[in-house]
PDB file of N, CA and C in Angstrom:
ATOM      1  N   MET A   1      36.949 -61.802 -53.517  1.00  0.00           N
ATOM      2  CA  MET A   1      35.684 -61.496 -54.154  1.00  0.00           C
ATOM      3  C   MET A   1      34.799 -60.667 -53.224  1.00  0.00           C
ATOM      4  N   PHE A   2      34.591 -61.149 -52.009  1.00  0.00           N
ATOM      5  CA  PHE A   2      33.739 -60.435 -51.076  1.00  0.00           C
ATOM      6  C   PHE A   2      34.551 -59.781 -49.970  1.00  0.00           C
ATOM      7  N   GLY A   3      35.864 -59.825 -50.065  1.00  0.00           N
ATOM      8  CA  GLY A   3      36.695 -59.230 -49.052  1.00  0.00           C
ATOM      9  C   GLY A   3      36.830 -60.096 -47.817  1.00  0.00           C
ATOM     10  N   ILE A   4      36.576 -61.404 -47.950  1.00  0.00           N
ATOM     11  CA  ILE A   4      36.684 -62.327 -46.826  1.00  0.00           C
ATOM     12  C   ILE A   4      38.038 -63.020 -46.920  1.00  0.00           C
ATOM     13  N   GLY A   5      38.793 -62.979 -45.827  1.00  0.00           N
ATOM     14  CA  GLY A   5      40.091 -63.627 -45.794  1.00  0.00           C
ATOM     15  C   GLY A   5      39.956 -65.092 -45.436  1.00  0.00           C
ATOM     16  N   MET A   6      41.074 -65.780 -45.441  1.00  0.00           N
ATOM     17  CA  MET A   6      41.074 -67.218 -45.159  1.00  0.00           C
ATOM     18  C   MET A   6      40.592 -67.539 -43.745  1.00  0.00           C
ATOM     19  N   PRO A   7      41.028 -66.821 -42.698  1.00  0.00           N
ATOM     20  CA  PRO A   7      40.532 -67.167 -41.356  1.00  0.00           C
ATOM     21  C   PRO A   7      39.012 -67.004 -41.217  1.00  0.00           C
ATOM     22  N   GLU A   8      38.477 -65.950 -41.831  1.00  0.00           N
ATOM     23  CA  GLU A   8      37.030 -65.745 -41.754  1.00  0.00           C
ATOM     24  C   GLU A   8      36.280 -66.849 -42.484  1.00  0.00           C
ATOM     25  N   LEU A   9      36.807 -67.254 -43.629  1.00  0.00           N
ATOM     26  CA  LEU A   9      36.180 -68.320 -44.405  1.00  0.00           C
ATOM     27  C   LEU A   9      36.187 -69.627 -43.629  1.00  0.00           C
ATOM     28  N   LEU A  10      37.303 -69.949 -42.981  1.00  0.00           N
ATOM     29  CA  LEU A  10      37.375 -71.175 -42.176  1.00  0.00           C
ATOM     30  C   LEU A  10      36.392 -71.122 -41.011  1.00  0.00           C
ATOM     31  N   LEU A  11      36.245 -69.965 -40.400  1.00  0.00           N
ATOM     32  CA  LEU A  11      35.291 -69.821 -39.300  1.00  0.00           C
ATOM     33  C   LEU A  11      33.856 -70.049 -39.786  1.00  0.00           C
ATOM     34  N   ILE A  12      33.522 -69.468 -40.928  1.00  0.00           N
ATOM     35  CA  ILE A  12      32.177 -69.643 -41.485  1.00  0.00           C
ATOM     36  C   ILE A  12      31.926 -71.109 -41.824  1.00  0.00           C
ATOM     37  N   LEU A  13      32.895 -71.747 -42.463  1.00  0.00           N
ATOM     38  CA  LEU A  13      32.743 -73.165 -42.807  1.00  0.00           C
ATOM     39  C   LEU A  13      32.630 -74.026 -41.550  1.00  0.00           C
ATOM     40  N   GLY A  14      33.406 -73.704 -40.519  1.00  0.00           N
ATOM     41  CA  GLY A  14      33.327 -74.447 -39.260  1.00  0.00           C
ATOM     42  C   GLY A  14      31.964 -74.302 -38.614  1.00  0.00           C
ATOM     43  N   LEU A  15      31.435 -73.094 -38.590  1.00  0.00           N
ATOM     44  CA  LEU A  15      30.104 -72.868 -38.015  1.00  0.00           C
ATOM     45  C   LEU A  15      29.025 -73.578 -38.828  1.00  0.00           C
ATOM     46  N   ALA A  16      29.158 -73.542 -40.161  1.00  0.00           N
ATOM     47  CA  ALA A  16      28.183 -74.228 -41.010  1.00  0.00           C
ATOM     48  C   ALA A  16      28.223 -75.724 -40.756  1.00  0.00           C
ATOM     49  N   LEU A  17      29.405 -76.287 -40.564  1.00  0.00           N
ATOM     50  CA  LEU A  17      29.534 -77.715 -40.290  1.00  0.00           C
ATOM     51  C   LEU A  17      28.885 -78.082 -38.964  1.00  0.00           C
ATOM     52  N   ILE A  18      29.071 -77.216 -37.971  1.00  0.00           N
ATOM     53  CA  ILE A  18      28.472 -77.477 -36.653  1.00  0.00           C
ATOM     54  C   ILE A  18      26.946 -77.353 -36.727  1.00  0.00           C
ATOM     55  N   VAL A  19      26.454 -76.308 -37.371  1.00  0.00           N
ATOM     56  CA  VAL A  19      25.012 -76.060 -37.403  1.00  0.00           C
ATOM     57  C   VAL A  19      24.291 -77.063 -38.302  1.00  0.00           C
ATOM     58  N   LEU A  20      24.818 -77.306 -39.477  1.00  0.00           N
ATOM     59  CA  LEU A  20      24.126 -78.156 -40.441  1.00  0.00           C
ATOM     60  C   LEU A  20      24.478 -79.628 -40.331  1.00  0.00           C
ATOM     61  N   GLY A  21      25.654 -79.923 -39.868  1.00  0.00           N
ATOM     62  CA  GLY A  21      26.086 -81.300 -39.767  1.00  0.00           C
ATOM     63  C   GLY A  21      26.789 -81.747 -41.038  1.00  0.00           C
ATOM     64  N   PRO A  22      27.528 -82.836 -40.940  1.00  0.00           N
ATOM     65  CA  PRO A  22      28.333 -83.288 -42.078  1.00  0.00           C
ATOM     66  C   PRO A  22      27.498 -83.860 -43.230  1.00  0.00           C
ATOM     67  N   LYS A  23      26.265 -84.246 -42.979  1.00  0.00           N
ATOM     68  CA  LYS A  23      25.439 -84.818 -44.051  1.00  0.00           C
ATOM     69  C   LYS A  23      24.775 -83.738 -44.902  1.00  0.00           C
ATOM     70  N   LYS A  24      24.373 -82.647 -44.292  1.00  0.00           N
ATOM     71  CA  LYS A  24      23.659 -81.585 -45.006  1.00  0.00           C
ATOM     72  C   LYS A  24      24.596 -80.609 -45.720  1.00  0.00           C
ATOM     73  N   LEU A  25      25.815 -80.471 -45.230  1.00  0.00           N
ATOM     74  CA  LEU A  25      26.744 -79.494 -45.789  1.00  0.00           C
ATOM     75  C   LEU A  25      27.048 -79.739 -47.276  1.00  0.00           C
ATOM     76  N   PRO A  26      27.341 -80.968 -47.709  1.00  0.00           N
ATOM     77  CA  PRO A  26      27.576 -81.179 -49.147  1.00  0.00           C
ATOM     78  C   PRO A  26      26.344 -80.878 -50.008  1.00  0.00           C
ATOM     79  N   GLU A  27      25.164 -81.199 -49.501  1.00  0.00           N
ATOM     80  CA  GLU A  27      23.931 -80.901 -50.242  1.00  0.00           C
ATOM     81  C   GLU A  27      23.757 -79.388 -50.398  1.00  0.00           C
ATOM     82  N   LEU A  28      24.040 -78.666 -49.332  1.00  0.00           N
ATOM     83  CA  LEU A  28      23.919 -77.218 -49.363  1.00  0.00           C
ATOM     84  C   LEU A  28      24.939 -76.607 -50.334  1.00  0.00           C
ATOM     85  N   ALA A  29      26.147 -77.127 -50.304  1.00  0.00           N
ATOM     86  CA  ALA A  29      27.183 -76.615 -51.208  1.00  0.00           C
ATOM     87  C   ALA A  29      26.821 -76.891 -52.664  1.00  0.00           C
ATOM     88  N   LYS A  30      26.264 -78.054 -52.932  1.00  0.00           N
ATOM     89  CA  LYS A  30      25.851 -78.400 -54.293  1.00  0.00           C
ATOM     90  C   LYS A  30      24.731 -77.478 -54.766  1.00  0.00           C
ATOM     91  N   ALA A  31      23.753 -77.241 -53.907  1.00  0.00           N
ATOM     92  CA  ALA A  31      22.643 -76.363 -54.261  1.00  0.00           C
ATOM     93  C   ALA A  31      23.134 -74.932 -54.467  1.00  0.00           C
ATOM     94  N   LEU A  32      24.055 -74.490 -53.626  1.00  0.00           N
ATOM     95  CA  LEU A  32      24.609 -73.152 -53.759  1.00  0.00           C
ATOM     96  C   LEU A  32      25.390 -73.019 -55.065  1.00  0.00           C
ATOM     97  N   GLY A  33      26.151 -74.032 -55.418  1.00  0.00           N
ATOM     98  CA  GLY A  33      26.899 -74.030 -56.673  1.00  0.00           C
ATOM     99  C   GLY A  33      25.980 -73.971 -57.877  1.00  0.00           C
ATOM    100  N   LYS A  34      24.905 -74.742 -57.841  1.00  0.00           N
ATOM    101  CA  LYS A  34      23.939 -74.711 -58.953  1.00  0.00           C
ATOM    102  C   LYS A  34      23.269 -73.344 -59.051  1.00  0.00           C
ATOM    103  N   GLY A  35      22.930 -72.766 -57.916  1.00  0.00           N
ATOM    104  CA  GLY A  35      22.299 -71.446 -57.910  1.00  0.00           C
ATOM    105  C   GLY A  35      23.218 -70.369 -58.464  1.00  0.00           C
ATOM    106  N   LEU A  36      24.486 -70.416 -58.068  1.00  0.00           N
ATOM    107  CA  LEU A  36      25.450 -69.437 -58.581  1.00  0.00           C
ATOM    108  C   LEU A  36      25.698 -69.622 -60.072  1.00  0.00           C
ATOM    109  N   ALA A  37      25.730 -70.871 -60.528  1.00  0.00           N
ATOM    110  CA  ALA A  37      25.919 -71.128 -61.958  1.00  0.00           C
ATOM    111  C   ALA A  37      24.740 -70.593 -62.761  1.00  0.00           C
ATOM    112  N   GLU A  38      23.540 -70.782 -62.249  1.00  0.00           N
ATOM    113  CA  GLU A  38      22.347 -70.277 -62.937  1.00  0.00           C
ATOM    114  C   GLU A  38      22.338 -68.749 -62.957  1.00  0.00           C
ATOM    115  N   PHE A  39      22.740 -68.142 -61.853  1.00  0.00           N
ATOM    116  CA  PHE A  39      22.813 -66.682 -61.787  1.00  0.00           C
ATOM    117  C   PHE A  39      23.826 -66.153 -62.801  1.00  0.00           C
ATOM    118  N   ARG A  40      24.982 -66.805 -62.872  1.00  0.00           N
ATOM    119  CA  ARG A  40      26.009 -66.373 -63.827  1.00  0.00           C
ATOM    120  C   ARG A  40      25.507 -66.531 -65.257  1.00  0.00           C
ATOM    121  N   ARG A  41      24.829 -67.615 -65.542  1.00  0.00           N
ATOM    122  CA  ARG A  41      24.285 -67.839 -66.882  1.00  0.00           C
ATOM    123  C   ARG A  41      23.268 -66.753 -67.237  1.00  0.00           C
ATOM    124  N   ALA A  42      22.421 -66.410 -66.299  1.00  0.00           N
ATOM    125  CA  ALA A  42      21.407 -65.383 -66.551  1.00  0.00           C
ATOM    126  C   ALA A  42      22.050 -64.017 -66.779  1.00  0.00           C
ATOM    127  N   THR A  43      23.063 -63.669 -65.987  1.00  0.00           N
ATOM    128  CA  THR A  43      23.713 -62.379 -66.178  1.00  0.00           C
ATOM    129  C   THR A  43      24.495 -62.342 -67.485  1.00  0.00           C
ATOM    130  N   ASP A  44      25.099 -63.459 -67.868  1.00  0.00           N
ATOM    131  CA  ASP A  44      25.803 -63.510 -69.162  1.00  0.00           C
ATOM    132  C   ASP A  44      24.824 -63.335 -70.315  1.00  0.00           C
ATOM    133  N   ASP A  45      23.651 -63.973 -70.214  1.00  0.00           N
ATOM    134  CA  ASP A  45      22.632 -63.800 -71.255  1.00  0.00           C
ATOM    135  C   ASP A  45      22.186 -62.344 -71.350  1.00  0.00           C
ATOM    136  N   LEU A  46      22.011 -61.713 -70.220  1.00  0.00           N
ATOM    137  CA  LEU A  46      21.593 -60.307 -70.194  1.00  0.00           C
ATOM    138  C   LEU A  46      22.671 -59.413 -70.804  1.00  0.00           C
ATOM    139  N   LYS A  47      23.930 -59.665 -70.464  1.00  0.00           N
ATOM    140  CA  LYS A  47      25.032 -58.889 -71.042  1.00  0.00           C
ATOM    141  C   LYS A  47      25.065 -59.056 -72.556  1.00  0.00           C
ATOM    142  N   ASN A  48      24.913 -60.295 -73.026  1.00  0.00           N
ATOM    143  CA  ASN A  48      24.934 -60.544 -74.464  1.00  0.00           C
ATOM    144  C   ASN A  48      23.785 -59.842 -75.168  1.00  0.00           C
ATOM    145  N   GLU A  49      22.627 -59.806 -74.534  1.00  0.00           N
ATOM    146  CA  GLU A  49      21.477 -59.124 -75.122  1.00  0.00           C
ATOM    147  C   GLU A  49      21.731 -57.620 -75.242  1.00  0.00           C
ATOM    148  N   PHE A  50      22.325 -57.030 -74.212  1.00  0.00           N
ATOM    149  CA  PHE A  50      22.655 -55.603 -74.275  1.00  0.00           C
ATOM    150  C   PHE A  50      23.692 -55.329 -75.358  1.00  0.00           C
ATOM    151  N   ARG A  51      24.697 -56.195 -75.462  1.00  0.00           N
ATOM    152  CA  ARG A  51      25.713 -56.006 -76.504  1.00  0.00           C
ATOM    153  C   ARG A  51      25.088 -56.112 -77.895  1.00  0.00           C
ATOM    154  N   GLN A  52      24.167 -57.055 -78.074  1.00  0.00           N
ATOM    155  CA  GLN A  52      23.504 -57.208 -79.366  1.00  0.00           C
ATOM    156  C   GLN A  52      22.673 -55.972 -79.690  1.00  0.00           C
ATOM    157  N   MET A  53      21.956 -55.453 -78.711  1.00  0.00           N
ATOM    158  CA  MET A  53      21.160 -54.243 -78.933  1.00  0.00           C
ATOM    159  C   MET A  53      22.070 -53.069 -79.270  1.00  0.00           C
ATOM    160  N   GLU A  54      23.213 -52.980 -78.614  1.00  0.00           N
ATOM    161  CA  GLU A  54      24.149 -51.894 -78.884  1.00  0.00           C
ATOM    162  C   GLU A  54      24.673 -51.989 -80.319  1.00  0.00           C
ATOM    163  N   ARG A  55      25.001 -53.207 -80.761  1.00  0.00           N
ATOM    164  CA  ARG A  55      25.469 -53.395 -82.140  1.00  0.00           C
ATOM    165  C   ARG A  55      24.388 -53.033 -83.139  1.00  0.00           C
ATOM    166  N   GLU A  56      23.137 -53.399 -82.842  1.00  0.00           N
ATOM    167  CA  GLU A  56      22.037 -53.079 -83.748  1.00  0.00           C
ATOM    168  C   GLU A  56      21.858 -51.573 -83.866  1.00  0.00           C
ATOM    169  N   VAL A  57      21.981 -50.870 -82.766  1.00  0.00           N
ATOM    170  CA  VAL A  57      21.849 -49.409 -82.798  1.00  0.00           C
ATOM    171  C   VAL A  57      22.985 -48.806 -83.601  1.00  0.00           C
ATOM    172  N   GLU A  58      24.204 -49.301 -83.386  1.00  0.00           N
ATOM    173  CA  GLU A  58      25.348 -48.782 -84.130  1.00  0.00           C
ATOM    174  C   GLU A  58      25.213 -49.077 -85.620  1.00  0.00           C
ATOM    175  N   ASP A  59      24.701 -50.251 -85.971  1.00  0.00           N
ATOM    176  CA  ASP A  59      24.540 -50.620 -87.379  1.00  0.00           C
ATOM    177  C   ASP A  59      23.415 -49.844 -88.047  1.00  0.00           C
ATOM    178  N   SER A  60      22.389 -49.467 -87.290  1.00  0.00           N
ATOM    179  CA  SER A  60      21.239 -48.781 -87.884  1.00  0.00           C
ATOM    180  C   SER A  60      21.529 -47.306 -88.155  1.00  0.00           C
ATOM    181  N   THR A  61      22.578 -46.777 -87.572  1.00  0.00           N
ATOM    182  CA  THR A  61      22.930 -45.379 -87.800  1.00  0.00           C
ATOM    183  C   THR A  61      24.320 -45.305 -88.409  1.00  0.00           C
ATOM    184  N   PRO A  62      24.448 -45.633 -89.709  1.00  0.00           N
ATOM    185  CA  PRO A  62      25.772 -45.602 -90.327  1.00  0.00           C
ATOM    186  C   PRO A  62      26.290 -44.178 -90.443  1.00  0.00           C
ATOM    187  N   GLY A  63      27.551 -44.000 -90.162  1.00  0.00           N
ATOM    188  CA  GLY A  63      28.173 -42.690 -90.280  1.00  0.00           C
ATOM    189  C   GLY A  63      27.894 -41.757 -89.127  1.00  0.00           C
ATOM    190  N   ALA A  64      27.095 -42.190 -88.189  1.00  0.00           N
ATOM    191  CA  ALA A  64      26.797 -41.328 -87.045  1.00  0.00           C
ATOM    192  C   ALA A  64      27.996 -41.309 -86.117  1.00  0.00           C
ATOM    193  N   THR A  65      28.307 -40.137 -85.665  1.00  0.00           N
ATOM    194  CA  THR A  65      29.417 -39.994 -84.734  1.00  0.00           C
ATOM    195  C   THR A  65      28.908 -39.289 -83.495  1.00  0.00           C
ATOM    196  N   LEU A  66      29.787 -39.159 -82.537  1.00  0.00           N
ATOM    197  CA  LEU A  66      29.396 -38.440 -81.328  1.00  0.00           C
ATOM    198  C   LEU A  66      29.062 -36.989 -81.638  1.00  0.00           C
ATOM    199  N   LYS A  67      29.672 -36.458 -82.678  1.00  0.00           N
ATOM    200  CA  LYS A  67      29.402 -35.070 -83.052  1.00  0.00           C
ATOM    201  C   LYS A  67      27.957 -34.910 -83.515  1.00  0.00           C
ATOM    202  N   ASP A  68      27.400 -35.953 -84.141  1.00  0.00           N
ATOM    203  CA  ASP A  68      26.028 -35.900 -84.631  1.00  0.00           C
ATOM    204  C   ASP A  68      25.010 -36.194 -83.538  1.00  0.00           C
ATOM    205  N   ASP A  69      25.467 -36.684 -82.410  1.00  0.00           N
ATOM    206  CA  ASP A  69      24.574 -37.065 -81.330  1.00  0.00           C
ATOM    207  C   ASP A  69      24.005 -35.812 -80.664  1.00  0.00           C
ATOM    208  N   PRO A  70      22.677 -35.649 -80.629  1.00  0.00           N
ATOM    209  CA  PRO A  70      22.104 -34.439 -80.035  1.00  0.00           C
ATOM    210  C   PRO A  70      22.342 -34.351 -78.533  1.00  0.00           C
ATOM    211  N   LEU A  71      22.607 -35.491 -77.884  1.00  0.00           N
ATOM    212  CA  LEU A  71      22.827 -35.445 -76.443  1.00  0.00           C
ATOM    213  C   LEU A  71      24.213 -34.926 -76.099  1.00  0.00           C
ATOM    214  N   THR A  72      25.147 -34.948 -77.063  1.00  0.00           N
ATOM    215  CA  THR A  72      26.498 -34.485 -76.784  1.00  0.00           C
ATOM    216  C   THR A  72      26.822 -33.191 -77.499  1.00  0.00           C
ATOM    217  N   GLU A  73      25.809 -32.491 -77.958  1.00  0.00           N
ATOM    218  CA  GLU A  73      26.054 -31.216 -78.646  1.00  0.00           C
ATOM    219  C   GLU A  73      26.642 -30.211 -77.677  1.00  0.00           C
ATOM    220  N   THR A  74      27.493 -29.370 -78.208  1.00  0.00           N
ATOM    221  CA  THR A  74      28.048 -28.304 -77.380  1.00  0.00           C
ATOM    222  C   THR A  74      27.050 -27.157 -77.349  1.00  0.00           C
ATOM    223  N   PRO A  75      26.982 -26.449 -76.265  1.00  0.00           N
ATOM    224  CA  PRO A  75      26.017 -25.345 -76.184  1.00  0.00           C
ATOM    225  C   PRO A  75      26.371 -24.263 -77.197  1.00  0.00           C
ATOM    226  N   ALA A  76      25.356 -23.598 -77.662  1.00  0.00           N
ATOM    227  CA  ALA A  76      25.545 -22.523 -78.650  1.00  0.00           C
ATOM    228  C   ALA A  76      26.320 -21.380 -78.015  1.00  0.00           C
ATOM    229  N   GLN A  77      27.161 -20.754 -78.808  1.00  0.00           N
ATOM    230  CA  GLN A  77      27.946 -19.619 -78.333  1.00  0.00           C
ATOM    231  C   GLN A  77      27.027 -18.409 -78.197  1.00  0.00           C
ATOM    232  N   PRO A  78      27.183 -17.668 -77.153  1.00  0.00           N
ATOM    233  CA  PRO A  78      26.324 -16.483 -76.979  1.00  0.00           C
ATOM    234  C   PRO A  78      26.624 -15.450 -78.074  1.00  0.00           C
ATOM    235  N   THR A  79      25.582 -14.859 -78.559  1.00  0.00           N
ATOM    236  CA  THR A  79      25.748 -13.839 -79.602  1.00  0.00           C
ATOM    237  C   THR A  79      25.955 -12.495 -78.936  1.00  0.00           C
ATOM    238  N   THR A  80      26.693 -11.675 -79.605  1.00  0.00           N
ATOM    239  CA  THR A  80      26.936 -10.333 -79.060  1.00  0.00           C
ATOM    240  C   THR A  80      25.942  -9.384 -79.703  1.00  0.00           C
ATOM    241  N   ALA A  81      24.875  -9.125 -79.003  1.00  0.00           N
ATOM    242  CA  ALA A  81      23.851  -8.228 -79.511  1.00  0.00           C
ATOM    243  C   ALA A  81      24.148  -6.819 -79.011  1.00  0.00           C
ATOM    244  N   THR A  82      23.815  -5.860 -79.820  1.00  0.00           N
ATOM    245  CA  THR A  82      24.012  -4.467 -79.405  1.00  0.00           C
ATOM    246  C   THR A  82      22.878  -4.094 -78.474  1.00  0.00           C
ATOM    247  N   SER A  83      23.245  -3.637 -77.332  1.00  0.00           N
ATOM    248  CA  SER A  83      22.202  -3.253 -76.381  1.00  0.00           C
ATOM    249  C   SER A  83      21.839  -1.797 -76.587  1.00  0.00           C
ATOM    250  N   THR A  84      20.609  -1.518 -76.335  1.00  0.00           N
ATOM    251  CA  THR A  84      20.143  -0.143 -76.464  1.00  0.00           C
ATOM    252  C   THR A  84      20.065   0.460 -75.077  1.00  0.00           C
ATOM    253  N   SER A  85      20.720   1.534 -74.892  1.00  0.00           N
ATOM    254  CA  SER A  85      20.685   2.212 -73.606  1.00  0.00           C
ATOM    255  C   SER A  85      19.629   3.318 -73.642  1.00  0.00           C
ATOM    256  N   ASP A  86      19.438   3.955 -72.533  1.00  0.00           N
ATOM    257  CA  ASP A  86      18.444   5.016 -72.446  1.00  0.00           C
ATOM    258  C   ASP A  86      18.800   6.197 -73.355  1.00  0.00           C
ATOM    259  N   THR A  87      20.058   6.446 -73.561  1.00  0.00           N
ATOM    260  CA  THR A  87      20.455   7.579 -74.379  1.00  0.00           C
ATOM    261  C   THR A  87      20.200   7.296 -75.857  1.00  0.00           C
ATOM    262  N   ASP A  88      20.234   6.018 -76.268  1.00  0.00           N
ATOM    263  CA  ASP A  88      19.968   5.690 -77.670  1.00  0.00           C
ATOM    264  C   ASP A  88      18.502   5.840 -78.001  1.00  0.00           C
ATOM    265  N   LYS A  89      17.635   5.665 -77.018  1.00  0.00           N
ATOM    266  CA  LYS A  89      16.201   5.746 -77.261  1.00  0.00           C
ATOM    267  C   LYS A  89      15.730   7.172 -77.459  1.00  0.00           C
ATOM    268  N   LYS A  90      16.460   8.156 -77.029  1.00  0.00           N
ATOM    269  CA  LYS A  90      16.021   9.551 -77.093  1.00  0.00           C
ATOM    270  C   LYS A  90      16.166  10.140 -78.433  1.00  0.00           C
TER     271      LYS A  90
END
């Protein structure tokens, strides 16, 4: 997930055990787990809200395709206009 291998993880856990002690470590892990669960729940809610908004936009424009989208229009082809030179003006 974060690119941390097993030896690095064991080192971090060992240092946390030394610094925090065996009594505080489970409390910290529990709080961290609850925080991560809440973060995941919030991001899932946000994703669902975006998906719902996307569906509403798609439903409100029936028959619309990418071709009808003004943001994806192809640029207009240049017209071939006849140029007037100095000899034509005389």
